[in-house]
Amino acid sequence: MVGDNVEVGVYPTRKALSLAQELESDLVEISPKAVPPVCKIMDYKKFMYEQKKREKALKAKSTKVTIKEIRFGPQTDEHDYEFKKKHAIKFLSEGAKLKAFVFFKGRSIIFKEQGQILLLKLAQELEEYGKVEQLPKLEGKRMIMFINPKK
């Protein structure tokens, strides 16, 4: 191993470089923001490999949030509602975030209350699968509600 026979300590730049050349290794700057900068005598390719491996492991641990959408009309029939509710249950049990919205076409915007009732009914029926993140809110021609899955 490089550094087995090298005394640990603070070396001036030239001495550190000459030591690295003697050992046929690289002088790698570990922490450039430290005062004085921290350097190590090691194999640079191995250092880069280890660093990439660490970054890949961190990236793999991060979770990706998927958002599934379900669209209703203000006067959605009971059968259609049940069918879409089954899909919502499936999405939430898979761990996806659910975006349920009622789309108002043309003059159907006068049925805002029906759309809100529909979304609140859905939220109540999905209570055991997920928690409401945002209550129904009208944005333009859409009334949107978000539901997070339960762990």
N, C-alpha and C. Protein backbone atom coordinates (compact mmCIF):
# COMPACT_ATOMS: atom_id res chain seq x y z
N MET A 1 0.85 -1.19 0.00
CA MET A 1 0.00 0.00 0.00
C MET A 1 0.88 1.24 0.00
N VAL A 2 0.50 2.23 -0.75
CA VAL A 2 1.23 3.49 -0.79
C VAL A 2 1.12 4.15 0.57
N GLY A 3 1.97 4.72 1.12
CA GLY A 3 1.83 5.42 2.39
C GLY A 3 2.15 4.54 3.60
N ASP A 4 2.44 3.25 3.40
CA ASP A 4 2.80 2.40 4.53
C ASP A 4 4.13 2.83 5.12
N ASN A 5 5.07 3.15 4.23
CA ASN A 5 6.39 3.53 4.72
C ASN A 5 6.60 5.05 4.68
N VAL A 6 5.55 5.82 4.48
CA VAL A 6 5.64 7.28 4.44
C VAL A 6 5.12 7.82 5.75
N GLU A 7 5.86 8.72 6.32
CA GLU A 7 5.48 9.32 7.58
C GLU A 7 4.35 10.33 7.35
N VAL A 8 3.31 10.23 8.15
CA VAL A 8 2.18 11.14 8.03
C VAL A 8 2.58 12.48 8.62
N GLY A 9 2.23 13.55 7.91
CA GLY A 9 2.57 14.88 8.42
C GLY A 9 2.25 15.94 7.40
N VAL A 10 2.64 17.14 7.72
CA VAL A 10 2.42 18.27 6.82
C VAL A 10 3.73 18.50 6.04
N TYR A 11 3.62 18.42 4.71
CA TYR A 11 4.78 18.59 3.85
C TYR A 11 4.58 19.80 2.95
N PRO A 12 5.65 20.51 2.62
CA PRO A 12 5.54 21.56 1.61
C PRO A 12 5.23 20.92 0.26
N THR A 13 4.70 21.68 -0.65
CA THR A 13 4.25 21.17 -1.94
C THR A 13 5.33 20.42 -2.69
N ARG A 14 6.53 20.97 -2.79
CA ARG A 14 7.61 20.32 -3.55
C ARG A 14 7.98 18.98 -2.94
N LYS A 15 8.09 18.93 -1.60
CA LYS A 15 8.48 17.67 -0.95
C LYS A 15 7.39 16.62 -1.15
N ALA A 16 6.12 17.04 -1.07
CA ALA A 16 5.01 16.11 -1.26
C ALA A 16 5.02 15.57 -2.69
N LEU A 17 5.26 16.43 -3.66
CA LEU A 17 5.32 16.00 -5.06
C LEU A 17 6.47 15.02 -5.29
N SER A 18 7.63 15.34 -4.73
CA SER A 18 8.78 14.44 -4.91
C SER A 18 8.52 13.10 -4.23
N LEU A 19 7.88 13.10 -3.05
CA LEU A 19 7.52 11.86 -2.37
C LEU A 19 6.58 11.02 -3.24
N ALA A 20 5.59 11.67 -3.86
CA ALA A 20 4.64 10.97 -4.72
C ALA A 20 5.35 10.37 -5.93
N GLN A 21 6.31 11.10 -6.50
CA GLN A 21 7.05 10.58 -7.65
C GLN A 21 7.92 9.40 -7.25
N GLU A 22 8.53 9.46 -6.08
CA GLU A 22 9.36 8.35 -5.59
C GLU A 22 8.53 7.07 -5.46
N LEU A 23 7.33 7.22 -4.95
CA LEU A 23 6.45 6.07 -4.74
C LEU A 23 5.66 5.69 -5.99
N GLU A 24 5.90 6.40 -7.10
CA GLU A 24 5.21 6.18 -8.37
C GLU A 24 3.68 6.21 -8.19
N SER A 25 3.23 7.22 -7.48
CA SER A 25 1.80 7.44 -7.27
C SER A 25 1.45 8.89 -7.58
N ASP A 26 0.22 9.24 -7.30
CA ASP A 26 -0.25 10.60 -7.57
C ASP A 26 -0.46 11.35 -6.27
N LEU A 27 -0.30 12.67 -6.33
CA LEU A 27 -0.62 13.53 -5.20
C LEU A 27 -2.03 14.08 -5.46
N VAL A 28 -3.00 13.59 -4.69
CA VAL A 28 -4.40 13.92 -4.92
C VAL A 28 -4.89 14.91 -3.88
N GLU A 29 -5.50 16.00 -4.34
CA GLU A 29 -6.05 17.02 -3.44
C GLU A 29 -7.42 16.55 -2.96
N ILE A 30 -7.53 16.24 -1.69
CA ILE A 30 -8.77 15.71 -1.12
C ILE A 30 -9.73 16.83 -0.75
N SER A 31 -9.23 17.83 -0.05
CA SER A 31 -10.07 18.93 0.42
C SER A 31 -9.41 20.26 0.07
N PRO A 32 -9.78 20.84 -1.09
CA PRO A 32 -9.11 22.07 -1.52
C PRO A 32 -9.49 23.31 -0.70
N LYS A 33 -10.64 23.29 -0.01
CA LYS A 33 -11.09 24.47 0.72
C LYS A 33 -10.47 24.58 2.11
N ALA A 34 -9.84 23.49 2.56
CA ALA A 34 -9.20 23.52 3.88
C ALA A 34 -7.95 24.39 3.83
N VAL A 35 -7.54 24.90 4.98
CA VAL A 35 -6.32 25.71 5.05
C VAL A 35 -5.34 25.01 5.97
N PRO A 36 -4.21 24.52 5.52
CA PRO A 36 -3.77 24.35 4.14
C PRO A 36 -4.56 23.23 3.46
N PRO A 37 -4.60 23.21 2.11
CA PRO A 37 -5.35 22.17 1.39
C PRO A 37 -4.84 20.77 1.76
N VAL A 38 -5.78 19.83 1.90
CA VAL A 38 -5.43 18.47 2.29
C VAL A 38 -5.16 17.64 1.03
N CYS A 39 -3.99 17.01 0.99
CA CYS A 39 -3.61 16.16 -0.14
C CYS A 39 -3.21 14.79 0.38
N LYS A 40 -3.33 13.79 -0.51
CA LYS A 40 -2.98 12.42 -0.15
C LYS A 40 -2.20 11.81 -1.30
N ILE A 41 -1.24 10.97 -0.95
CA ILE A 41 -0.50 10.25 -1.98
C ILE A 41 -1.23 8.93 -2.20
N MET A 42 -1.80 8.78 -3.41
CA MET A 42 -2.58 7.58 -3.74
C MET A 42 -2.71 7.44 -5.24
N ASP A 43 -3.37 6.37 -5.66
CA ASP A 43 -3.64 6.14 -7.08
C ASP A 43 -4.86 6.97 -7.47
N TYR A 44 -4.70 7.91 -8.39
CA TYR A 44 -5.77 8.83 -8.76
C TYR A 44 -6.95 8.11 -9.40
N LYS A 45 -6.66 7.13 -10.26
CA LYS A 45 -7.73 6.40 -10.93
C LYS A 45 -8.60 5.65 -9.91
N LYS A 46 -7.93 5.09 -8.92
CA LYS A 46 -8.67 4.37 -7.87
C LYS A 46 -9.53 5.35 -7.07
N PHE A 47 -8.99 6.54 -6.80
CA PHE A 47 -9.72 7.57 -6.07
C PHE A 47 -10.98 7.98 -6.85
N MET A 48 -10.83 8.21 -8.15
CA MET A 48 -11.98 8.60 -8.98
C MET A 48 -13.02 7.48 -9.04
N TYR A 49 -12.55 6.24 -9.13
CA TYR A 49 -13.46 5.09 -9.16
C TYR A 49 -14.29 5.03 -7.88
N GLU A 50 -13.62 5.18 -6.74
CA GLU A 50 -14.31 5.15 -5.43
C GLU A 50 -15.33 6.29 -5.33
N GLN A 51 -14.96 7.48 -5.83
CA GLN A 51 -15.84 8.64 -5.76
C GLN A 51 -17.09 8.41 -6.62
N LYS A 52 -16.91 7.88 -7.82
CA LYS A 52 -18.05 7.60 -8.70
C LYS A 52 -18.96 6.54 -8.09
N LYS A 53 -18.33 5.56 -7.45
CA LYS A 53 -19.09 4.49 -6.81
C LYS A 53 -19.96 5.06 -5.68
N ARG A 54 -19.40 5.98 -4.88
CA ARG A 54 -20.14 6.63 -3.79
C ARG A 54 -21.32 7.44 -4.33
N GLU A 55 -21.07 8.21 -5.41
CA GLU A 55 -22.12 9.04 -6.01
C GLU A 55 -23.25 8.18 -6.56
N LYS A 56 -22.89 7.05 -7.17
CA LYS A 56 -23.88 6.14 -7.73
C LYS A 56 -24.74 5.54 -6.63
N ALA A 57 -24.12 5.19 -5.51
CA ALA A 57 -24.85 4.63 -4.38
C ALA A 57 -25.83 5.65 -3.80
N LEU A 58 -25.40 6.91 -3.70
CA LEU A 58 -26.29 7.97 -3.20
C LEU A 58 -27.47 8.19 -4.14
N LYS A 59 -27.19 8.15 -5.44
CA LYS A 59 -28.24 8.35 -6.44
C LYS A 59 -29.25 7.21 -6.39
N ALA A 60 -28.79 6.00 -6.16
CA ALA A 60 -29.68 4.84 -6.09
C ALA A 60 -30.59 4.91 -4.88
N LYS A 61 -30.10 5.49 -3.78
CA LYS A 61 -30.89 5.58 -2.56
C LYS A 61 -31.99 6.63 -2.66
N SER A 62 -31.80 7.65 -3.52
CA SER A 62 -32.80 8.71 -3.62
C SER A 62 -34.06 8.16 -4.28
N THR A 63 -35.22 8.58 -3.77
CA THR A 63 -36.48 8.08 -4.30
C THR A 63 -37.02 9.01 -5.36
N LYS A 64 -37.61 8.42 -6.37
CA LYS A 64 -38.21 9.19 -7.45
C LYS A 64 -39.72 9.20 -7.23
N VAL A 65 -40.29 10.38 -7.15
CA VAL A 65 -41.73 10.51 -6.92
C VAL A 65 -42.42 10.52 -8.28
N THR A 66 -43.34 9.56 -8.47
CA THR A 66 -44.12 9.54 -9.70
C THR A 66 -45.50 10.08 -9.38
N ILE A 67 -46.03 10.87 -10.30
CA ILE A 67 -47.35 11.44 -10.14
C ILE A 67 -48.27 10.85 -11.20
N LYS A 68 -49.34 10.22 -10.74
CA LYS A 68 -50.35 9.66 -11.64
C LYS A 68 -51.56 10.58 -11.62
N GLU A 69 -52.16 10.77 -12.79
CA GLU A 69 -53.30 11.66 -12.90
C GLU A 69 -54.58 10.88 -13.17
N ILE A 70 -55.67 11.36 -12.58
CA ILE A 70 -57.00 10.81 -12.86
C ILE A 70 -57.90 12.00 -13.16
N ARG A 71 -58.58 11.93 -14.29
CA ARG A 71 -59.41 13.04 -14.76
C ARG A 71 -60.89 12.68 -14.68
N PHE A 72 -61.65 13.58 -14.13
CA PHE A 72 -63.10 13.43 -14.05
C PHE A 72 -63.77 14.59 -14.76
N GLY A 73 -65.02 14.39 -15.12
CA GLY A 73 -65.87 15.48 -15.59
C GLY A 73 -66.76 15.88 -14.42
N PRO A 74 -67.39 17.04 -14.47
CA PRO A 74 -68.22 17.46 -13.33
C PRO A 74 -69.43 16.54 -13.12
N GLN A 75 -69.90 15.88 -14.16
CA GLN A 75 -71.05 15.00 -14.04
C GLN A 75 -70.66 13.57 -14.39
N THR A 76 -69.57 13.08 -13.79
CA THR A 76 -69.08 11.73 -14.04
C THR A 76 -70.07 10.72 -13.47
N ASP A 77 -70.39 9.72 -14.28
CA ASP A 77 -71.33 8.67 -13.90
C ASP A 77 -70.75 7.81 -12.78
N GLU A 78 -71.60 7.12 -12.02
CA GLU A 78 -71.18 6.30 -10.87
C GLU A 78 -70.24 5.17 -11.30
N HIS A 79 -70.55 4.50 -12.41
CA HIS A 79 -69.71 3.38 -12.88
C HIS A 79 -68.32 3.89 -13.26
N ASP A 80 -68.26 5.00 -13.98
CA ASP A 80 -66.97 5.58 -14.37
C ASP A 80 -66.18 6.00 -13.14
N TYR A 81 -66.88 6.56 -12.17
CA TYR A 81 -66.25 6.99 -10.92
C TYR A 81 -65.61 5.79 -10.21
N GLU A 82 -66.36 4.69 -10.08
CA GLU A 82 -65.85 3.49 -9.41
C GLU A 82 -64.64 2.92 -10.16
N PHE A 83 -64.71 2.93 -11.49
CA PHE A 83 -63.62 2.42 -12.32
C PHE A 83 -62.34 3.23 -12.09
N LYS A 84 -62.49 4.56 -12.06
CA LYS A 84 -61.33 5.43 -11.85
C LYS A 84 -60.84 5.34 -10.41
N LYS A 85 -61.74 5.10 -9.47
CA LYS A 85 -61.35 4.95 -8.07
C LYS A 85 -60.47 3.71 -7.89
N LYS A 86 -60.80 2.62 -8.62
CA LYS A 86 -59.98 1.40 -8.57
C LYS A 86 -58.55 1.70 -9.04
N HIS A 87 -58.45 2.48 -10.11
CA HIS A 87 -57.13 2.87 -10.62
C HIS A 87 -56.39 3.71 -9.59
N ALA A 88 -57.10 4.61 -8.93
CA ALA A 88 -56.49 5.46 -7.91
C ALA A 88 -55.95 4.61 -6.77
N ILE A 89 -56.71 3.61 -6.34
CA ILE A 89 -56.26 2.71 -5.27
C ILE A 89 -55.00 1.98 -5.70
N LYS A 90 -54.99 1.51 -6.95
CA LYS A 90 -53.82 0.81 -7.48
C LYS A 90 -52.59 1.73 -7.49
N PHE A 91 -52.76 2.96 -7.95
CA PHE A 91 -51.64 3.91 -8.01
C PHE A 91 -51.10 4.20 -6.61
N LEU A 92 -52.00 4.44 -5.66
CA LEU A 92 -51.56 4.77 -4.29
C LEU A 92 -50.89 3.56 -3.62
N SER A 93 -51.38 2.36 -3.89
CA SER A 93 -50.76 1.18 -3.27
C SER A 93 -49.39 0.90 -3.88
N GLU A 94 -49.15 1.36 -5.10
CA GLU A 94 -47.83 1.21 -5.73
C GLU A 94 -46.86 2.28 -5.24
N GLY A 95 -47.37 3.26 -4.49
CA GLY A 95 -46.50 4.31 -3.93
C GLY A 95 -46.43 5.57 -4.76
N ALA A 96 -47.29 5.71 -5.76
CA ALA A 96 -47.28 6.91 -6.59
C ALA A 96 -48.18 7.98 -5.97
N LYS A 97 -47.83 9.22 -6.22
CA LYS A 97 -48.64 10.35 -5.76
C LYS A 97 -49.79 10.51 -6.76
N LEU A 98 -50.97 10.86 -6.27
CA LEU A 98 -52.14 10.94 -7.13
C LEU A 98 -52.59 12.38 -7.31
N LYS A 99 -52.84 12.75 -8.56
CA LYS A 99 -53.37 14.07 -8.88
C LYS A 99 -54.74 13.83 -9.51
N ALA A 100 -55.78 14.11 -8.75
CA ALA A 100 -57.13 13.94 -9.26
C ALA A 100 -57.67 15.31 -9.62
N PHE A 101 -58.28 15.41 -10.81
CA PHE A 101 -58.82 16.70 -11.19
C PHE A 101 -60.11 16.56 -11.97
N VAL A 102 -60.94 17.58 -11.83
CA VAL A 102 -62.18 17.69 -12.58
C VAL A 102 -61.95 18.76 -13.63
N PHE A 103 -62.18 18.39 -14.89
CA PHE A 103 -61.97 19.33 -15.99
C PHE A 103 -63.33 19.88 -16.43
N PHE A 104 -63.45 21.19 -16.42
CA PHE A 104 -64.70 21.84 -16.80
C PHE A 104 -64.58 22.34 -18.23
N LYS A 105 -65.46 21.80 -19.13
CA LYS A 105 -65.46 22.23 -20.54
C LYS A 105 -66.56 23.26 -20.74
N GLY A 106 -66.26 24.27 -21.50
CA GLY A 106 -67.26 25.26 -21.87
C GLY A 106 -68.03 25.84 -20.71
N ARG A 107 -69.36 25.68 -20.76
CA ARG A 107 -70.21 26.25 -19.72
C ARG A 107 -70.37 25.35 -18.50
N SER A 108 -69.73 24.20 -18.50
CA SER A 108 -69.86 23.29 -17.35
C SER A 108 -69.19 23.85 -16.09
N ILE A 109 -68.54 25.00 -16.21
CA ILE A 109 -67.90 25.65 -15.06
C ILE A 109 -68.94 26.04 -14.01
N ILE A 110 -70.22 26.08 -14.40
CA ILE A 110 -71.27 26.41 -13.43
C ILE A 110 -71.48 25.28 -12.43
N PHE A 111 -70.91 24.10 -12.70
CA PHE A 111 -71.06 22.95 -11.80
C PHE A 111 -69.84 22.79 -10.89
N LYS A 112 -69.26 23.90 -10.45
CA LYS A 112 -68.08 23.86 -9.59
C LYS A 112 -68.33 23.05 -8.32
N GLU A 113 -69.52 23.22 -7.73
CA GLU A 113 -69.85 22.52 -6.49
C GLU A 113 -69.86 21.01 -6.70
N GLN A 114 -70.41 20.56 -7.85
CA GLN A 114 -70.45 19.12 -8.15
C GLN A 114 -69.03 18.56 -8.26
N GLY A 115 -68.15 19.32 -8.89
CA GLY A 115 -66.76 18.88 -9.03
C GLY A 115 -66.08 18.77 -7.69
N GLN A 116 -66.32 19.75 -6.83
CA GLN A 116 -65.72 19.74 -5.49
C GLN A 116 -66.26 18.57 -4.67
N ILE A 117 -67.56 18.32 -4.76
CA ILE A 117 -68.18 17.20 -4.03
C ILE A 117 -67.58 15.88 -4.51
N LEU A 118 -67.40 15.76 -5.81
CA LEU A 118 -66.83 14.55 -6.40
C LEU A 118 -65.42 14.29 -5.87
N LEU A 119 -64.58 15.32 -5.85
CA LEU A 119 -63.21 15.17 -5.37
C LEU A 119 -63.16 14.88 -3.86
N LEU A 120 -64.01 15.53 -3.09
CA LEU A 120 -64.03 15.28 -1.65
C LEU A 120 -64.53 13.87 -1.34
N LYS A 121 -65.48 13.39 -2.13
CA LYS A 121 -65.97 12.00 -1.99
C LYS A 121 -64.82 11.03 -2.28
N LEU A 122 -64.06 11.30 -3.33
CA LEU A 122 -62.91 10.46 -3.68
C LEU A 122 -61.89 10.46 -2.55
N ALA A 123 -61.61 11.63 -2.00
CA ALA A 123 -60.64 11.75 -0.90
C ALA A 123 -61.10 10.94 0.31
N GLN A 124 -62.38 10.99 0.59
CA GLN A 124 -62.91 10.27 1.74
C GLN A 124 -62.82 8.76 1.53
N GLU A 125 -63.10 8.30 0.32
CA GLU A 125 -63.06 6.87 0.03
C GLU A 125 -61.64 6.32 -0.08
N LEU A 126 -60.67 7.20 -0.36
CA LEU A 126 -59.27 6.76 -0.47
C LEU A 126 -58.50 7.03 0.82
N GLU A 127 -59.20 7.36 1.89
CA GLU A 127 -58.57 7.74 3.15
C GLU A 127 -57.64 6.66 3.70
N GLU A 128 -57.98 5.38 3.52
CA GLU A 128 -57.14 4.31 4.05
C GLU A 128 -55.91 4.03 3.19
N TYR A 129 -55.90 4.54 1.95
CA TYR A 129 -54.77 4.32 1.04
C TYR A 129 -53.82 5.52 0.96
N GLY A 130 -54.36 6.71 1.19
CA GLY A 130 -53.53 7.90 1.08
C GLY A 130 -54.08 9.06 1.88
N LYS A 131 -53.24 10.06 2.01
CA LYS A 131 -53.61 11.26 2.78
C LYS A 131 -53.68 12.45 1.82
N VAL A 132 -54.69 13.28 1.98
CA VAL A 132 -54.88 14.44 1.11
C VAL A 132 -53.78 15.46 1.40
N GLU A 133 -53.04 15.81 0.36
CA GLU A 133 -51.98 16.82 0.49
C GLU A 133 -52.55 18.21 0.26
N GLN A 134 -53.43 18.31 -0.74
CA GLN A 134 -54.02 19.61 -1.08
C GLN A 134 -55.50 19.40 -1.36
N LEU A 135 -56.34 20.12 -0.67
CA LEU A 135 -57.78 20.03 -0.89
C LEU A 135 -58.13 20.58 -2.27
N PRO A 136 -59.31 20.24 -2.80
CA PRO A 136 -59.68 20.71 -4.14
C PRO A 136 -59.57 22.23 -4.28
N LYS A 137 -58.89 22.63 -5.34
CA LYS A 137 -58.65 24.04 -5.59
C LYS A 137 -58.85 24.31 -7.08
N LEU A 138 -59.58 25.34 -7.39
CA LEU A 138 -59.88 25.68 -8.79
C LEU A 138 -58.72 26.47 -9.39
N GLU A 139 -58.18 25.94 -10.50
CA GLU A 139 -57.12 26.63 -11.25
C GLU A 139 -57.55 26.68 -12.72
N GLY A 140 -58.03 27.82 -13.13
CA GLY A 140 -58.50 27.95 -14.51
C GLY A 140 -59.75 27.10 -14.73
N LYS A 141 -59.68 26.15 -15.66
CA LYS A 141 -60.82 25.27 -15.94
C LYS A 141 -60.70 23.92 -15.23
N ARG A 142 -59.74 23.82 -14.32
CA ARG A 142 -59.52 22.56 -13.60
C ARG A 142 -59.68 22.75 -12.11
N MET A 143 -60.24 21.76 -11.44
CA MET A 143 -60.27 21.74 -9.98
C MET A 143 -59.34 20.58 -9.60
N ILE A 144 -58.25 20.89 -8.91
CA ILE A 144 -57.19 19.91 -8.68
C ILE A 144 -57.09 19.55 -7.20
N MET A 145 -56.78 18.26 -6.94
CA MET A 145 -56.55 17.77 -5.58
C MET A 145 -55.39 16.77 -5.64
N PHE A 146 -54.48 16.84 -4.66
CA PHE A 146 -53.35 15.92 -4.59
C PHE A 146 -53.50 14.98 -3.39
N ILE A 147 -53.16 13.71 -3.60
CA ILE A 147 -53.21 12.71 -2.52
C ILE A 147 -51.87 11.99 -2.48
N ASN A 148 -51.25 11.95 -1.29
CA ASN A 148 -50.00 11.24 -1.08
C ASN A 148 -50.29 9.83 -0.58
N PRO A 149 -49.51 8.84 -1.01
CA PRO A 149 -49.74 7.46 -0.53
C PRO A 149 -49.32 7.31 0.93
N LYS A 150 -49.97 6.41 1.63
CA LYS A 150 -49.55 6.10 2.99
C LYS A 150 -48.44 5.09 2.91
N LYS A 151 -47.47 5.19 3.81
CA LYS A 151 -46.31 4.29 3.78
C LYS A 151 -46.73 2.88 4.15
